[in-house]
Amino acid sequence: MSGEVPTVGDLPETSDAERTLEGGGIADTGNQNSRQMKEPERSPAVTLGRETLSTCGDNLLQETKLLRDTLDLLWNHTSEQRQLCDQLKQENEYLQDYISNLMTSSNVLDK
């Protein structure tokens, strides 16, 4: 085969370079670069999608703030209830001691 000259029937119909040009690989390189340099065109769906994401982000921030505020209120209420509980325990102990002293001093149990 080294000495033979290929005939027209032996050559492929299209070369790799021709297929690349037909497929738009090399020929469109300049157009691809110019498209990348320009601001990409935004369809209404993309714009709507970004607005929806922005709205969702705003809603998420508002919901997070509401939950944080609610948690703060619950924490404050819990602290107040603990203080009240401690105060009532002290008063209850005082009353128990008082009643015990009264009963001892009046000898109610001895009768």
Protein backbone atom coordinates (compact mmCIF):
# COMPACT_ATOMS: atom_id res chain seq x y z
CA MET A 1 0.00 0.00 0.00
CA SER A 2 2.89 2.35 0.47
CA GLY A 3 3.48 2.61 -3.28
CA GLU A 4 -0.15 2.78 -4.28
CA VAL A 5 -1.88 6.06 -4.94
CA PRO A 6 -5.38 6.19 -3.49
CA THR A 7 -8.15 6.41 -5.96
CA VAL A 8 -11.29 8.48 -5.63
CA GLY A 9 -13.23 5.45 -4.38
CA ASP A 10 -10.73 4.90 -1.54
CA LEU A 11 -10.98 8.46 -0.11
CA PRO A 12 -13.60 9.22 2.50
CA GLU A 13 -16.47 11.34 1.31
CA THR A 14 -15.84 14.13 3.83
CA SER A 15 -12.76 14.91 5.86
CA ASP A 16 -12.69 15.59 9.59
CA ALA A 17 -12.12 19.28 8.90
CA GLU A 18 -15.16 19.44 6.65
CA ARG A 19 -17.30 17.66 9.22
CA THR A 20 -16.10 20.09 11.90
CA LEU A 21 -16.94 23.06 9.72
CA GLU A 22 -20.32 21.61 8.87
CA GLY A 23 -21.03 20.87 12.52
CA GLY A 24 -20.20 24.42 13.47
CA GLY A 25 -17.23 23.57 15.71
CA ILE A 26 -14.49 25.77 14.28
CA ALA A 27 -16.52 28.09 12.10
CA ASP A 28 -18.58 29.32 15.05
CA THR A 29 -15.64 30.05 17.35
CA GLY A 30 -15.72 33.76 16.56
CA ASN A 31 -19.46 33.90 17.12
CA GLN A 32 -19.12 32.05 20.43
CA ASN A 33 -16.52 34.51 21.68
CA SER A 34 -18.66 37.48 20.68
CA ARG A 35 -21.68 35.92 22.40
CA GLN A 36 -19.68 35.41 25.59
CA MET A 37 -18.49 39.01 25.60
CA LYS A 38 -22.00 40.40 25.16
CA GLU A 39 -24.53 40.42 27.96
CA PRO A 40 -26.50 37.20 27.63
CA GLU A 41 -30.04 37.67 26.46
CA ARG A 42 -32.50 36.91 29.19
CA SER A 43 -35.77 35.35 28.38
CA PRO A 44 -38.87 36.30 30.36
CA ALA A 45 -38.73 32.89 32.03
CA VAL A 46 -35.19 33.50 33.31
CA THR A 47 -36.10 36.97 34.54
CA LEU A 48 -39.24 35.61 36.19
CA GLY A 49 -37.16 32.83 37.73
CA ARG A 50 -34.74 35.34 39.24
CA GLU A 51 -37.60 37.47 40.55
CA THR A 52 -39.17 34.35 42.01
CA LEU A 53 -35.87 33.42 43.68
CA SER A 54 -35.53 36.96 44.99
CA THR A 55 -39.09 36.86 46.31
CA CYS A 56 -38.47 33.44 47.85
CA GLY A 57 -35.31 34.78 49.46
CA ASP A 58 -37.18 37.77 50.86
CA ASN A 59 -39.95 35.50 52.13
CA LEU A 60 -37.38 33.22 53.73
CA LEU A 61 -35.72 36.18 55.45
CA GLN A 62 -39.07 37.43 56.75
CA GLU A 63 -40.02 33.97 57.98
CA THR A 64 -36.62 33.58 59.65
CA LYS A 65 -37.01 36.95 61.38
CA LEU A 66 -40.52 36.04 62.51
CA LEU A 67 -39.32 32.71 63.90
CA ARG A 68 -36.39 34.39 65.66
CA ASP A 69 -38.72 36.99 67.21
CA THR A 70 -41.13 34.25 68.29
CA LEU A 71 -38.26 32.31 69.83
CA ASP A 72 -37.13 35.44 71.70
CA LEU A 73 -40.65 35.97 73.05
CA LEU A 74 -40.90 32.35 74.15
CA TRP A 75 -37.48 32.55 75.82
CA ASN A 76 -38.48 35.71 77.70
CA HIS A 77 -41.78 34.15 78.75
CA THR A 78 -39.96 31.03 79.93
CA SER A 79 -37.55 33.15 81.99
CA GLU A 80 -40.45 35.02 83.60
CA GLN A 81 -42.21 31.75 84.39
CA ARG A 82 -39.05 30.32 85.99
CA GLN A 83 -38.69 33.42 88.15
CA LEU A 84 -42.34 33.17 89.17
CA CYS A 85 -41.93 29.47 89.94
CA ASP A 86 -38.86 30.16 92.11
CA GLN A 87 -40.73 32.92 93.94
CA LEU A 88 -43.72 30.66 94.56
CA LYS A 89 -41.46 27.87 95.85
CA GLN A 90 -39.90 30.27 98.35
CA GLU A 91 -43.31 31.52 99.47
CA ASN A 92 -44.55 27.96 99.77
CA GLU A 93 -41.57 26.99 101.96
CA TYR A 94 -42.16 30.05 104.11
CA LEU A 95 -45.83 29.16 104.58
CA GLN A 96 -44.98 25.56 105.43
CA ASP A 97 -42.51 26.72 108.06
CA TYR A 98 -45.04 29.21 109.43
CA ILE A 99 -47.78 26.58 109.69
CA SER A 100 -45.39 24.13 111.29
CA ASN A 101 -44.35 26.73 113.87
CA LEU A 102 -47.98 27.61 114.63
CA MET A 103 -48.92 24.01 115.14
CA THR A 104 -45.93 23.45 117.38
CA SER A 105 -46.57 26.54 119.47
CA SER A 106 -50.28 25.87 119.92
CA ASN A 107 -49.87 22.19 120.66
CA VAL A 108 -52.65 21.31 118.28
CA LEU A 109 -51.14 17.92 117.62
CA ASP A 110 -50.82 17.05 121.32
CA LYS A 111 -54.52 17.34 122.04
